[in-house]
């Protein structure tokens, strides 16, 4: 069933927020926070992984920790089909 795969994908799709703690390149004893937010697929988080790979490859500040929060966009209880339409004017 092709539609079933799409439905499962949407079940995991949601807003992902990552709090990234990293060391300052010039001052290693100082830590800085960066907040990253993007729509991503849980639990693999391909967009976040791509961003962290880019960070490690291109930026000088070493990663110290990454804390991830994820909120699904659509849940079964939140979806309702439209049964009526009302037009004003």
N, C-alpha and C. Protein backbone atom coordinates (compact mmCIF):
# COMPACT_ATOMS: atom_id res chain seq x y z
N UNK A 1 0.83 -1.18 0.00
CA UNK A 1 0.00 0.00 0.00
C UNK A 1 0.88 1.25 0.00
N UNK A 2 0.95 1.98 -1.08
CA UNK A 2 1.81 3.16 -1.14
C UNK A 2 1.42 4.24 -0.14
N UNK A 3 0.13 4.45 0.10
CA UNK A 3 -0.32 5.50 1.02
C UNK A 3 0.11 5.24 2.45
N UNK A 4 0.24 3.97 2.83
CA UNK A 4 0.61 3.63 4.20
C UNK A 4 2.01 4.12 4.53
N UNK A 5 2.96 4.00 3.61
CA UNK A 5 4.33 4.47 3.85
C UNK A 5 4.34 5.98 4.06
N UNK A 6 3.56 6.71 3.30
CA UNK A 6 3.50 8.16 3.46
C UNK A 6 2.91 8.51 4.82
N UNK A 7 1.84 7.81 5.23
CA UNK A 7 1.23 8.07 6.52
C UNK A 7 2.21 7.82 7.66
N UNK A 8 2.98 6.77 7.59
CA UNK A 8 3.98 6.49 8.63
C UNK A 8 5.05 7.57 8.66
N UNK A 9 5.44 8.06 7.50
CA UNK A 9 6.43 9.14 7.46
C UNK A 9 5.89 10.36 8.18
N UNK A 10 4.64 10.72 7.93
CA UNK A 10 4.07 11.90 8.58
C UNK A 10 3.94 11.69 10.07
N UNK A 11 3.77 10.45 10.52
CA UNK A 11 3.67 10.19 11.96
C UNK A 11 4.94 10.63 12.69
N UNK A 12 6.08 10.49 12.07
CA UNK A 12 7.35 10.82 12.73
C UNK A 12 7.84 12.23 12.39
N UNK A 13 7.24 12.87 11.42
CA UNK A 13 7.68 14.18 10.96
C UNK A 13 7.25 15.25 11.96
N UNK A 14 8.17 16.14 12.31
CA UNK A 14 7.81 17.18 13.25
C UNK A 14 8.90 18.21 13.42
N UNK A 15 8.65 19.15 14.31
CA UNK A 15 9.59 20.22 14.59
C UNK A 15 10.66 19.71 15.55
N UNK A 16 11.90 19.83 15.15
CA UNK A 16 13.02 19.38 15.97
C UNK A 16 13.82 20.60 16.40
N UNK A 17 14.13 20.67 17.68
CA UNK A 17 14.94 21.74 18.23
C UNK A 17 16.15 21.10 18.90
N UNK A 18 17.33 21.61 18.57
CA UNK A 18 18.56 21.11 19.17
C UNK A 18 19.29 22.25 19.86
N UNK A 19 19.63 22.04 21.12
CA UNK A 19 20.45 23.00 21.85
C UNK A 19 21.88 22.46 21.79
N UNK A 20 22.73 23.21 21.13
CA UNK A 20 24.11 22.77 20.89
C UNK A 20 25.04 23.59 21.77
N UNK A 21 25.80 22.89 22.57
CA UNK A 21 26.80 23.52 23.44
C UNK A 21 28.16 23.25 22.81
N UNK A 22 28.92 24.32 22.55
CA UNK A 22 30.21 24.15 21.88
C UNK A 22 31.26 25.05 22.51
N UNK A 23 32.51 24.66 22.33
CA UNK A 23 33.64 25.43 22.85
C UNK A 23 34.02 26.54 21.89
N UNK A 24 34.39 27.68 22.43
CA UNK A 24 34.85 28.80 21.60
C UNK A 24 36.25 28.47 21.07
N UNK A 25 36.49 28.68 19.77
CA UNK A 25 37.80 28.34 19.19
C UNK A 25 38.96 29.11 19.85
N UNK A 26 38.77 30.39 20.13
CA UNK A 26 39.84 31.20 20.70
C UNK A 26 39.97 31.07 22.21
N UNK A 27 38.89 30.64 22.86
CA UNK A 27 38.87 30.52 24.32
C UNK A 27 38.24 29.18 24.68
N UNK A 28 39.00 28.10 24.68
CA UNK A 28 38.45 26.75 24.88
C UNK A 28 37.73 26.55 26.22
N UNK A 29 38.05 27.37 27.22
CA UNK A 29 37.39 27.20 28.51
C UNK A 29 35.99 27.84 28.55
N UNK A 30 35.64 28.63 27.52
CA UNK A 30 34.31 29.24 27.43
C UNK A 30 33.41 28.39 26.54
N UNK A 31 32.15 28.24 26.98
CA UNK A 31 31.18 27.50 26.19
C UNK A 31 30.11 28.45 25.67
N UNK A 32 29.63 28.17 24.49
CA UNK A 32 28.60 28.99 23.84
C UNK A 32 27.43 28.07 23.49
N UNK A 33 26.23 28.63 23.44
CA UNK A 33 25.05 27.86 23.07
C UNK A 33 24.53 28.32 21.72
N UNK A 34 24.14 27.35 20.90
CA UNK A 34 23.52 27.62 19.61
C UNK A 34 22.22 26.81 19.56
N UNK A 35 21.13 27.42 19.15
CA UNK A 35 19.86 26.72 19.04
C UNK A 35 19.54 26.54 17.56
N UNK A 36 19.33 25.29 17.17
CA UNK A 36 19.02 24.93 15.79
C UNK A 36 17.59 24.40 15.76
N UNK A 37 16.81 24.79 14.74
CA UNK A 37 15.43 24.33 14.65
C UNK A 37 15.10 24.07 13.19
N UNK A 38 14.48 22.92 12.94
CA UNK A 38 14.13 22.53 11.58
C UNK A 38 13.08 21.43 11.65
N UNK A 39 12.32 21.25 10.59
CA UNK A 39 11.40 20.12 10.49
C UNK A 39 12.22 18.90 10.12
N UNK A 40 12.03 17.80 10.85
CA UNK A 40 12.87 16.62 10.68
C UNK A 40 12.06 15.36 10.98
N UNK A 41 12.63 14.22 10.65
CA UNK A 41 12.00 12.93 10.86
C UNK A 41 12.62 12.21 12.05
N UNK A 42 11.80 11.89 13.04
CA UNK A 42 12.28 11.14 14.20
C UNK A 42 12.16 9.64 13.90
N UNK A 43 12.97 8.79 14.43
CA UNK A 43 14.06 9.04 15.38
C UNK A 43 15.43 9.17 14.72
N UNK A 44 15.50 9.09 13.37
CA UNK A 44 16.81 9.16 12.71
C UNK A 44 17.36 10.58 12.64
N UNK A 45 16.50 11.58 12.53
CA UNK A 45 16.88 12.99 12.43
C UNK A 45 17.93 13.25 11.35
N UNK A 46 17.59 12.96 10.08
CA UNK A 46 18.58 13.15 9.01
C UNK A 46 19.02 14.60 8.82
N UNK A 47 18.13 15.57 8.98
CA UNK A 47 18.51 16.98 8.82
C UNK A 47 19.47 17.42 9.93
N UNK A 48 19.19 17.02 11.14
CA UNK A 48 20.07 17.37 12.26
C UNK A 48 21.44 16.72 12.08
N UNK A 49 21.45 15.46 11.67
CA UNK A 49 22.74 14.77 11.44
C UNK A 49 23.56 15.49 10.36
N UNK A 50 22.88 15.91 9.28
CA UNK A 50 23.58 16.64 8.22
C UNK A 50 24.17 17.94 8.74
N UNK A 51 23.40 18.65 9.57
CA UNK A 51 23.89 19.90 10.13
C UNK A 51 25.09 19.66 11.05
N UNK A 52 25.01 18.65 11.90
CA UNK A 52 26.13 18.37 12.82
C UNK A 52 27.37 17.90 12.07
N UNK A 53 27.19 17.15 11.00
CA UNK A 53 28.34 16.75 10.16
C UNK A 53 28.99 17.98 9.52
N UNK A 54 28.14 18.90 9.03
CA UNK A 54 28.66 20.15 8.48
C UNK A 54 29.44 20.91 9.54
N UNK A 55 28.88 21.01 10.74
CA UNK A 55 29.53 21.73 11.84
C UNK A 55 30.91 21.16 12.10
N UNK A 56 30.99 19.85 12.25
CA UNK A 56 32.27 19.22 12.57
C UNK A 56 33.27 19.36 11.43
N UNK A 57 32.78 19.37 10.20
CA UNK A 57 33.66 19.46 9.04
C UNK A 57 34.13 20.89 8.77
N UNK A 58 33.26 21.90 8.95
CA UNK A 58 33.53 23.26 8.49
C UNK A 58 33.80 24.29 9.58
N UNK A 59 33.30 24.07 10.79
CA UNK A 59 33.43 25.07 11.84
C UNK A 59 34.49 24.68 12.86
N UNK A 60 35.05 25.67 13.52
CA UNK A 60 36.16 25.42 14.44
C UNK A 60 35.73 25.10 15.86
N UNK A 61 34.56 25.53 16.28
CA UNK A 61 34.12 25.30 17.66
C UNK A 61 33.76 23.85 17.90
N UNK A 62 34.50 23.15 18.79
CA UNK A 62 34.20 21.74 19.03
C UNK A 62 32.87 21.55 19.77
N UNK A 63 32.11 20.56 19.34
CA UNK A 63 30.83 20.26 19.97
C UNK A 63 31.07 19.65 21.35
N UNK A 64 30.33 20.12 22.34
CA UNK A 64 30.43 19.55 23.69
C UNK A 64 29.20 18.70 24.01
N UNK A 65 28.01 19.19 23.64
CA UNK A 65 26.80 18.40 23.85
C UNK A 65 25.70 18.89 22.91
N UNK A 66 24.77 17.98 22.62
CA UNK A 66 23.61 18.30 21.80
C UNK A 66 22.39 17.72 22.50
N UNK A 67 21.44 18.58 22.83
CA UNK A 67 20.19 18.16 23.46
C UNK A 67 19.07 18.36 22.45
N UNK A 68 18.28 17.30 22.22
CA UNK A 68 17.28 17.33 21.16
C UNK A 68 15.87 17.22 21.75
N UNK A 69 14.97 18.05 21.23
CA UNK A 69 13.54 17.97 21.54
C UNK A 69 12.80 17.85 20.22
N UNK A 70 11.73 17.06 20.21
CA UNK A 70 10.99 16.82 18.97
C UNK A 70 9.50 16.80 19.27
N UNK A 71 8.72 17.49 18.46
CA UNK A 71 7.27 17.53 18.60
C UNK A 71 6.65 17.16 17.26
N UNK A 72 5.91 16.05 17.25
CA UNK A 72 5.25 15.63 16.01
C UNK A 72 4.22 16.67 15.59
N UNK A 73 4.06 16.84 14.30
CA UNK A 73 3.13 17.84 13.78
C UNK A 73 1.70 17.34 13.74
N UNK A 74 1.51 16.11 13.31
CA UNK A 74 0.17 15.59 13.13
C UNK A 74 0.02 14.31 13.95
N UNK A 75 -1.03 14.26 14.73
CA UNK A 75 -1.37 13.05 15.48
C UNK A 75 -2.77 12.62 15.09
N UNK A 76 -3.07 11.38 15.31
CA UNK A 76 -4.38 10.86 14.92
C UNK A 76 -5.51 11.66 15.57
N UNK A 77 -5.38 12.02 16.83
CA UNK A 77 -6.42 12.75 17.53
C UNK A 77 -6.55 14.20 17.12
N UNK A 78 -5.57 14.73 16.42
CA UNK A 78 -5.58 16.13 16.02
C UNK A 78 -6.09 16.33 14.60
N UNK A 79 -6.28 15.27 13.87
CA UNK A 79 -6.72 15.37 12.48
C UNK A 79 -8.22 15.17 12.39
N UNK A 80 -8.90 16.07 11.71
CA UNK A 80 -10.33 15.92 11.45
C UNK A 80 -10.58 16.30 10.00
N UNK A 81 -11.37 15.49 9.34
CA UNK A 81 -11.71 15.84 7.95
C UNK A 81 -12.81 16.89 7.96
N UNK A 82 -12.82 17.72 6.95
CA UNK A 82 -13.81 18.78 6.84
C UNK A 82 -15.08 18.17 6.25
N UNK A 83 -16.20 18.37 6.93
CA UNK A 83 -17.46 17.84 6.45
C UNK A 83 -18.41 18.91 5.97
N UNK A 84 -18.13 20.17 6.35
CA UNK A 84 -18.97 21.27 5.91
C UNK A 84 -18.10 22.46 5.53
N UNK A 85 -18.67 23.31 4.68
CA UNK A 85 -17.97 24.53 4.31
C UNK A 85 -18.97 25.66 4.38
N UNK A 86 -18.59 26.75 4.99
CA UNK A 86 -19.47 27.90 5.16
C UNK A 86 -18.86 29.08 4.42
N UNK A 87 -19.66 29.76 3.63
CA UNK A 87 -19.17 30.90 2.88
C UNK A 87 -19.88 32.14 3.36
N UNK A 88 -19.13 33.19 3.70
CA UNK A 88 -19.68 34.46 4.11
C UNK A 88 -19.64 35.43 2.94
N UNK A 89 -20.62 36.29 2.86
CA UNK A 89 -20.77 37.33 1.80
C UNK A 89 -21.29 36.70 0.57
